[in-house]
PDB file of all heavy atoms in Angstrom:
ATOM      1  N   ALA A   1       0.870  -1.222  -0.058  1.00  0.00           N
ATOM      2  CA  ALA A   1       0.000   0.000  -0.036  1.00  0.00           C
ATOM      3  C   ALA A   1       0.905   1.279  -0.003  1.00  0.00           C
ATOM      4  O   ALA A   1       0.513   2.227  -0.710  1.00  0.00           O
ATOM      5  CB  ALA A   1      -0.902  -0.005   1.202  1.00  0.00           C
ATOM      6  N   GLU A   2       1.922   1.297   0.738  1.00  0.00           N
ATOM      7  CA  GLU A   2       2.840   2.371   0.838  1.00  0.00           C
ATOM      8  C   GLU A   2       3.579   2.654  -0.570  1.00  0.00           C
ATOM      9  O   GLU A   2       3.694   3.699  -1.100  1.00  0.00           O
ATOM     10  CB  GLU A   2       3.869   2.230   1.876  1.00  0.00           C
ATOM     11  CG  GLU A   2       3.328   2.179   3.352  1.00  0.00           C
ATOM     12  CD  GLU A   2       2.901   3.531   3.861  1.00  0.00           C
ATOM     13  OE1 GLU A   2       3.229   4.502   3.284  1.00  0.00           O
ATOM     14  OE2 GLU A   2       2.300   3.506   4.941  1.00  0.00           O
ATOM     15  N   ARG A   3       3.950   1.445  -1.157  1.00  0.00           N
ATOM     16  CA  ARG A   3       4.604   1.460  -2.368  1.00  0.00           C
ATOM     17  C   ARG A   3       3.711   2.109  -3.441  1.00  0.00           C
ATOM     18  O   ARG A   3       4.238   3.011  -4.181  1.00  0.00           O
ATOM     19  CB  ARG A   3       5.096   0.114  -2.779  1.00  0.00           C
ATOM     20  CG  ARG A   3       5.700  -0.008  -4.146  1.00  0.00           C
ATOM     21  CD  ARG A   3       6.038  -1.482  -4.486  1.00  0.00           C
ATOM     22  NE  ARG A   3       4.848  -2.257  -4.663  1.00  0.00           N
ATOM     23  CZ  ARG A   3       4.904  -3.585  -4.933  1.00  0.00           C
ATOM     24  NH1 ARG A   3       6.067  -4.150  -5.236  1.00  0.00           N
ATOM     25  NH2 ARG A   3       3.656  -4.308  -5.173  1.00  0.00           N
ATOM     26  N   ASP A   4       2.509   1.657  -3.373  1.00  0.00           N
ATOM     27  CA  ASP A   4       1.582   2.171  -4.513  1.00  0.00           C
ATOM     28  C   ASP A   4       1.151   3.609  -4.288  1.00  0.00           C
ATOM     29  O   ASP A   4       1.004   4.335  -5.266  1.00  0.00           O
ATOM     30  CB  ASP A   4       0.337   1.217  -4.522  1.00  0.00           C
ATOM     31  CG  ASP A   4       0.536  -0.140  -4.931  1.00  0.00           C
ATOM     32  OD1 ASP A   4       1.588  -0.388  -5.411  1.00  0.00           O
ATOM     33  OD2 ASP A   4      -0.416  -1.030  -4.671  1.00  0.00           O
ATOM     34  N   GLU A   5       1.138   4.072  -2.988  1.00  0.00           N
ATOM     35  CA  GLU A   5       0.790   5.383  -2.779  1.00  0.00           C
ATOM     36  C   GLU A   5       1.838   6.347  -3.176  1.00  0.00           C
ATOM     37  O   GLU A   5       1.608   7.373  -3.745  1.00  0.00           O
ATOM     38  CB  GLU A   5       0.390   5.612  -1.251  1.00  0.00           C
ATOM     39  CG  GLU A   5       0.067   7.043  -0.961  1.00  0.00           C
ATOM     40  CD  GLU A   5      -0.255   7.278   0.644  1.00  0.00           C
ATOM     41  OE1 GLU A   5      -0.337   6.203   1.342  1.00  0.00           O
ATOM     42  OE2 GLU A   5      -0.250   8.487   0.986  1.00  0.00           O
ATOM     43  N   ILE A   6       3.131   5.941  -2.847  1.00  0.00           N
ATOM     44  CA  ILE A   6       4.305   6.765  -3.426  1.00  0.00           C
ATOM     45  C   ILE A   6       4.301   6.861  -4.835  1.00  0.00           C
ATOM     46  O   ILE A   6       4.505   7.952  -5.418  1.00  0.00           O
ATOM     47  CB  ILE A   6       5.604   6.219  -2.846  1.00  0.00           C
ATOM     48  CG1 ILE A   6       5.661   6.244  -1.231  1.00  0.00           C
ATOM     49  CG2 ILE A   6       6.730   6.918  -3.370  1.00  0.00           C
ATOM     50  CD1 ILE A   6       6.748   5.411  -0.665  1.00  0.00           C
ATOM     51  N   HIS A   7       3.963   5.755  -5.410  1.00  0.00           N
ATOM     52  CA  HIS A   7       4.058   5.809  -6.949  1.00  0.00           C
ATOM     53  C   HIS A   7       2.991   6.737  -7.532  1.00  0.00           C
ATOM     54  O   HIS A   7       3.305   7.559  -8.427  1.00  0.00           O
ATOM     55  CB  HIS A   7       3.928   4.353  -7.433  1.00  0.00           C
ATOM     56  CG  HIS A   7       4.356   4.135  -8.906  1.00  0.00           C
ATOM     57  ND1 HIS A   7       3.618   4.572 -10.052  1.00  0.00           N
ATOM     58  CD2 HIS A   7       5.514   3.525  -9.414  1.00  0.00           C
ATOM     59  CE1 HIS A   7       4.231   4.262 -11.117  1.00  0.00           C
ATOM     60  NE2 HIS A   7       5.349   3.697 -10.690  1.00  0.00           N
ATOM     61  N   ARG A   8       1.842   6.637  -6.990  1.00  0.00           N
ATOM     62  CA  ARG A   8       0.747   7.572  -7.519  1.00  0.00           C
ATOM     63  C   ARG A   8       1.097   9.075  -7.138  1.00  0.00           C
ATOM     64  O   ARG A   8       0.882   9.951  -7.967  1.00  0.00           O
ATOM     65  CB  ARG A   8      -0.604   7.267  -6.757  1.00  0.00           C
ATOM     66  CG  ARG A   8      -1.235   6.004  -7.305  1.00  0.00           C
ATOM     67  CD  ARG A   8      -2.662   5.838  -6.643  1.00  0.00           C
ATOM     68  NE  ARG A   8      -2.604   5.837  -5.317  1.00  0.00           N
ATOM     69  CZ  ARG A   8      -2.719   4.718  -4.695  1.00  0.00           C
ATOM     70  NH1 ARG A   8      -2.554   3.514  -5.156  1.00  0.00           N
ATOM     71  NH2 ARG A   8      -2.696   4.779  -3.310  1.00  0.00           N
ATOM     72  N   LEU A   9       1.694   9.314  -5.957  1.00  0.00           N
ATOM     73  CA  LEU A   9       2.056  10.665  -5.730  1.00  0.00           C
ATOM     74  C   LEU A   9       3.083  11.174  -6.590  1.00  0.00           C
ATOM     75  O   LEU A   9       3.034  12.425  -6.980  1.00  0.00           O
ATOM     76  CB  LEU A   9       2.548  10.713  -4.216  1.00  0.00           C
ATOM     77  CG  LEU A   9       2.818  12.105  -3.650  1.00  0.00           C
ATOM     78  CD1 LEU A   9       1.539  12.933  -3.423  1.00  0.00           C
ATOM     79  CD2 LEU A   9       3.712  12.067  -2.392  1.00  0.00           C
ATOM     80  N   VAL A  10       4.128  10.535  -6.856  1.00  0.00           N
ATOM     81  CA  VAL A  10       5.242  10.861  -7.701  1.00  0.00           C
ATOM     82  C   VAL A  10       4.704  11.131  -9.122  1.00  0.00           C
ATOM     83  O   VAL A  10       5.043  12.128  -9.671  1.00  0.00           O
ATOM     84  CB  VAL A  10       6.411   9.791  -7.783  1.00  0.00           C
ATOM     85  CG1 VAL A  10       7.445  10.158  -8.868  1.00  0.00           C
ATOM     86  CG2 VAL A  10       7.141   9.813  -6.344  1.00  0.00           C
ATOM     87  N   CYS A  11       3.981  10.329  -9.648  1.00  0.00           N
ATOM     88  CA  CYS A  11       3.400  10.435 -10.979  1.00  0.00           C
ATOM     89  C   CYS A  11       2.558  11.663 -11.031  1.00  0.00           C
ATOM     90  O   CYS A  11       2.429  12.211 -12.150  1.00  0.00           O
ATOM     91  CB  CYS A  11       2.789   9.173 -11.413  1.00  0.00           C
ATOM     92  SG  CYS A  11       3.972   7.797 -11.725  1.00  0.00           S
ATOM     93  N   ASP A  12       1.822  11.985 -10.014  1.00  0.00           N
ATOM     94  CA  ASP A  12       0.875  13.036 -10.014  1.00  0.00           C
ATOM     95  C   ASP A  12       1.605  14.466  -9.712  1.00  0.00           C
ATOM     96  O   ASP A  12       1.303  15.351 -10.527  1.00  0.00           O
ATOM     97  CB  ASP A  12      -0.212  12.904  -8.941  1.00  0.00           C
ATOM     98  CG  ASP A  12      -1.186  13.938  -8.863  1.00  0.00           C
ATOM     99  OD1 ASP A  12      -1.704  14.410  -9.956  1.00  0.00           O
ATOM    100  OD2 ASP A  12      -1.492  14.460  -7.735  1.00  0.00           O
ATOM    101  N   GLN A  13       2.502  14.508  -8.697  1.00  0.00           N
ATOM    102  CA  GLN A  13       3.033  15.822  -8.386  1.00  0.00           C
ATOM    103  C   GLN A  13       4.443  16.065  -8.738  1.00  0.00           C
ATOM    104  O   GLN A  13       4.857  17.156  -8.754  1.00  0.00           O
ATOM    105  CB  GLN A  13       2.888  15.869  -6.746  1.00  0.00           C
ATOM    106  CG  GLN A  13       1.449  15.957  -6.215  1.00  0.00           C
ATOM    107  CD  GLN A  13       1.394  16.286  -4.806  1.00  0.00           C
ATOM    108  OE1 GLN A  13       2.245  17.083  -4.342  1.00  0.00           O
ATOM    109  NE2 GLN A  13       0.512  15.801  -3.997  1.00  0.00           N
ATOM    110  N   GLY A  14       5.109  14.960  -9.185  1.00  0.00           N
ATOM    111  CA  GLY A  14       6.541  15.077  -9.672  1.00  0.00           C
ATOM    112  C   GLY A  14       6.619  15.083 -11.081  1.00  0.00           C
ATOM    113  O   GLY A  14       7.744  15.362 -11.590  1.00  0.00           O
ATOM    114  N   TYR A  15       5.580  15.092 -11.847  1.00  0.00           N
ATOM    115  CA  TYR A  15       5.480  15.092 -13.319  1.00  0.00           C
ATOM    116  C   TYR A  15       4.831  16.398 -13.858  1.00  0.00           C
ATOM    117  O   TYR A  15       3.719  16.689 -13.398  1.00  0.00           O
ATOM    118  CB  TYR A  15       4.832  13.874 -13.836  1.00  0.00           C
ATOM    119  CG  TYR A  15       4.884  13.719 -15.243  1.00  0.00           C
ATOM    120  CD1 TYR A  15       6.069  13.318 -15.927  1.00  0.00           C
ATOM    121  CD2 TYR A  15       3.791  13.894 -16.159  1.00  0.00           C
ATOM    122  CE1 TYR A  15       6.172  13.214 -17.310  1.00  0.00           C
ATOM    123  CE2 TYR A  15       3.832  13.834 -17.503  1.00  0.00           C
ATOM    124  CZ  TYR A  15       4.989  13.446 -18.180  1.00  0.00           C
ATOM    125  OH  TYR A  15       5.151  13.286 -19.495  1.00  0.00           O
ATOM    126  N   ASP A  16       5.572  17.046 -14.747  1.00  0.00           N
ATOM    127  CA  ASP A  16       4.951  18.283 -15.472  1.00  0.00           C
ATOM    128  C   ASP A  16       4.268  17.835 -16.668  1.00  0.00           C
ATOM    129  O   ASP A  16       4.976  17.449 -17.779  1.00  0.00           O
ATOM    130  CB  ASP A  16       6.213  19.212 -15.755  1.00  0.00           C
ATOM    131  CG  ASP A  16       5.734  20.463 -16.280  1.00  0.00           C
ATOM    132  OD1 ASP A  16       4.675  20.513 -16.973  1.00  0.00           O
ATOM    133  OD2 ASP A  16       6.309  21.539 -16.094  1.00  0.00           O
ATOM    134  N   GLN A  17       2.908  17.734 -16.766  1.00  0.00           N
ATOM    135  CA  GLN A  17       2.274  17.333 -17.903  1.00  0.00           C
ATOM    136  C   GLN A  17       2.450  18.243 -19.217  1.00  0.00           C
ATOM    137  O   GLN A  17       2.616  17.686 -20.216  1.00  0.00           O
ATOM    138  CB  GLN A  17       0.690  17.300 -17.635  1.00  0.00           C
ATOM    139  CG  GLN A  17       0.390  16.222 -16.565  1.00  0.00           C
ATOM    140  CD  GLN A  17       0.194  14.832 -17.193  1.00  0.00           C
ATOM    141  OE1 GLN A  17       0.336  14.700 -18.479  1.00  0.00           O
ATOM    142  NE2 GLN A  17      -0.176  13.847 -16.359  1.00  0.00           N
ATOM    143  N   LYS A  18       2.663  19.419 -18.866  1.00  0.00           N
ATOM    144  CA  LYS A  18       2.738  20.434 -20.052  1.00  0.00           C
ATOM    145  C   LYS A  18       4.035  20.222 -20.697  1.00  0.00           C
ATOM    146  O   LYS A  18       4.113  20.133 -21.967  1.00  0.00           O
ATOM    147  CB  LYS A  18       2.616  21.974 -19.584  1.00  0.00           C
ATOM    148  CG  LYS A  18       2.630  22.834 -20.676  1.00  0.00           C
ATOM    149  CD  LYS A  18       2.485  24.283 -20.018  1.00  0.00           C
ATOM    150  CE  LYS A  18       2.492  25.290 -21.268  1.00  0.00           C
ATOM    151  NZ  LYS A  18       2.385  26.682 -20.629  1.00  0.00           N
ATOM    152  N   ARG A  19       5.129  20.046 -19.901  1.00  0.00           N
ATOM    153  CA  ARG A  19       6.460  19.814 -20.471  1.00  0.00           C
ATOM    154  C   ARG A  19       6.815  18.368 -20.768  1.00  0.00           C
ATOM    155  O   ARG A  19       7.772  18.090 -21.289  1.00  0.00           O
ATOM    156  CB  ARG A  19       7.604  20.494 -19.531  1.00  0.00           C
ATOM    157  CG  ARG A  19       7.404  22.045 -19.609  1.00  0.00           C
ATOM    158  CD  ARG A  19       8.168  22.510 -18.279  1.00  0.00           C
ATOM    159  NE  ARG A  19       9.545  22.320 -18.439  1.00  0.00           N
ATOM    160  CZ  ARG A  19      10.345  22.075 -17.503  1.00  0.00           C
ATOM    161  NH1 ARG A  19       9.972  22.194 -16.212  1.00  0.00           N
ATOM    162  NH2 ARG A  19      11.723  21.956 -17.602  1.00  0.00           N
ATOM    163  N   GLN A  20       5.958  17.495 -20.294  1.00  0.00           N
ATOM    164  CA  GLN A  20       6.154  16.023 -20.443  1.00  0.00           C
ATOM    165  C   GLN A  20       7.488  15.640 -19.868  1.00  0.00           C
ATOM    166  O   GLN A  20       8.250  14.954 -20.586  1.00  0.00           O
ATOM    167  CB  GLN A  20       6.033  15.640 -21.894  1.00  0.00           C
ATOM    168  CG  GLN A  20       4.650  15.952 -22.560  1.00  0.00           C
ATOM    169  CD  GLN A  20       4.531  15.388 -23.863  1.00  0.00           C
ATOM    170  OE1 GLN A  20       5.563  15.332 -24.703  1.00  0.00           O
ATOM    171  NE2 GLN A  20       3.290  15.054 -24.244  1.00  0.00           N
ATOM    172  N   THR A  21       7.681  16.008 -18.506  1.00  0.00           N
ATOM    173  CA  THR A  21       8.951  15.578 -17.906  1.00  0.00           C
ATOM    174  C   THR A  21       8.797  15.509 -16.407  1.00  0.00           C
ATOM    175  O   THR A  21       7.930  16.269 -15.832  1.00  0.00           O
ATOM    176  CB  THR A  21      10.176  16.577 -18.228  1.00  0.00           C
ATOM    177  OG1 THR A  21      11.289  16.028 -17.591  1.00  0.00           O
ATOM    178  CG2 THR A  21       9.859  18.007 -17.756  1.00  0.00           C
ATOM    179  N   PHE A  22       9.450  14.662 -15.722  1.00  0.00           N
ATOM    180  CA  PHE A  22       9.502  14.638 -14.242  1.00  0.00           C
ATOM    181  C   PHE A  22      10.455  15.960 -13.947  1.00  0.00           C
ATOM    182  O   PHE A  22      11.280  16.318 -14.806  1.00  0.00           O
ATOM    183  CB  PHE A  22      10.122  13.401 -13.662  1.00  0.00           C
ATOM    184  CG  PHE A  22       9.082  12.266 -13.653  1.00  0.00           C
ATOM    185  CD1 PHE A  22       9.068  11.307 -14.669  1.00  0.00           C
ATOM    186  CD2 PHE A  22       8.126  12.154 -12.655  1.00  0.00           C
ATOM    187  CE1 PHE A  22       8.198  10.269 -14.747  1.00  0.00           C
ATOM    188  CE2 PHE A  22       7.310  11.086 -12.575  1.00  0.00           C
ATOM    189  CZ  PHE A  22       7.228  10.239 -13.724  1.00  0.00           C
ATOM    190  N   THR A  23      10.234  16.425 -12.662  1.00  0.00           N
ATOM    191  CA  THR A  23      10.946  17.680 -12.314  1.00  0.00           C
ATOM    192  C   THR A  23      11.720  17.253 -10.985  1.00  0.00           C
ATOM    193  O   THR A  23      11.506  16.335 -10.368  1.00  0.00           O
ATOM    194  CB  THR A  23       9.985  18.824 -12.011  1.00  0.00           C
ATOM    195  OG1 THR A  23       9.028  18.469 -11.039  1.00  0.00           O
ATOM    196  CG2 THR A  23       9.367  19.101 -13.473  1.00  0.00           C
ATOM    197  N   GLN A  24      12.633  18.277 -10.697  1.00  0.00           N
ATOM    198  CA  GLN A  24      13.428  18.033  -9.520  1.00  0.00           C
ATOM    199  C   GLN A  24      12.840  17.966  -8.150  1.00  0.00           C
ATOM    200  O   GLN A  24      13.023  17.077  -7.474  1.00  0.00           O
ATOM    201  CB  GLN A  24      14.436  19.239  -9.316  1.00  0.00           C
ATOM    202  CG  GLN A  24      15.460  19.185  -8.358  1.00  0.00           C
ATOM    203  CD  GLN A  24      16.367  20.310  -8.234  1.00  0.00           C
ATOM    204  OE1 GLN A  24      15.861  21.516  -7.954  1.00  0.00           O
ATOM    205  NE2 GLN A  24      17.658  20.183  -8.582  1.00  0.00           N
ATOM    206  N   SER A  25      11.694  18.645  -8.006  1.00  0.00           N
ATOM    207  CA  SER A  25      10.864  18.564  -6.831  1.00  0.00           C
ATOM    208  C   SER A  25       9.414  18.943  -7.229  1.00  0.00           C
ATOM    209  O   SER A  25       9.129  19.417  -8.229  1.00  0.00           O
ATOM    210  CB  SER A  25      11.324  19.492  -5.778  1.00  0.00           C
ATOM    211  OG  SER A  25      11.417  20.898  -6.222  1.00  0.00           O
TER     212      SER A  25
END
């Protein structure tokens, strides 16, 4: 459950949809 929650959080908040890239923070 922790693993899946972290994965969802990173893909949601660590990814810039407009630029199509993950970001530093």
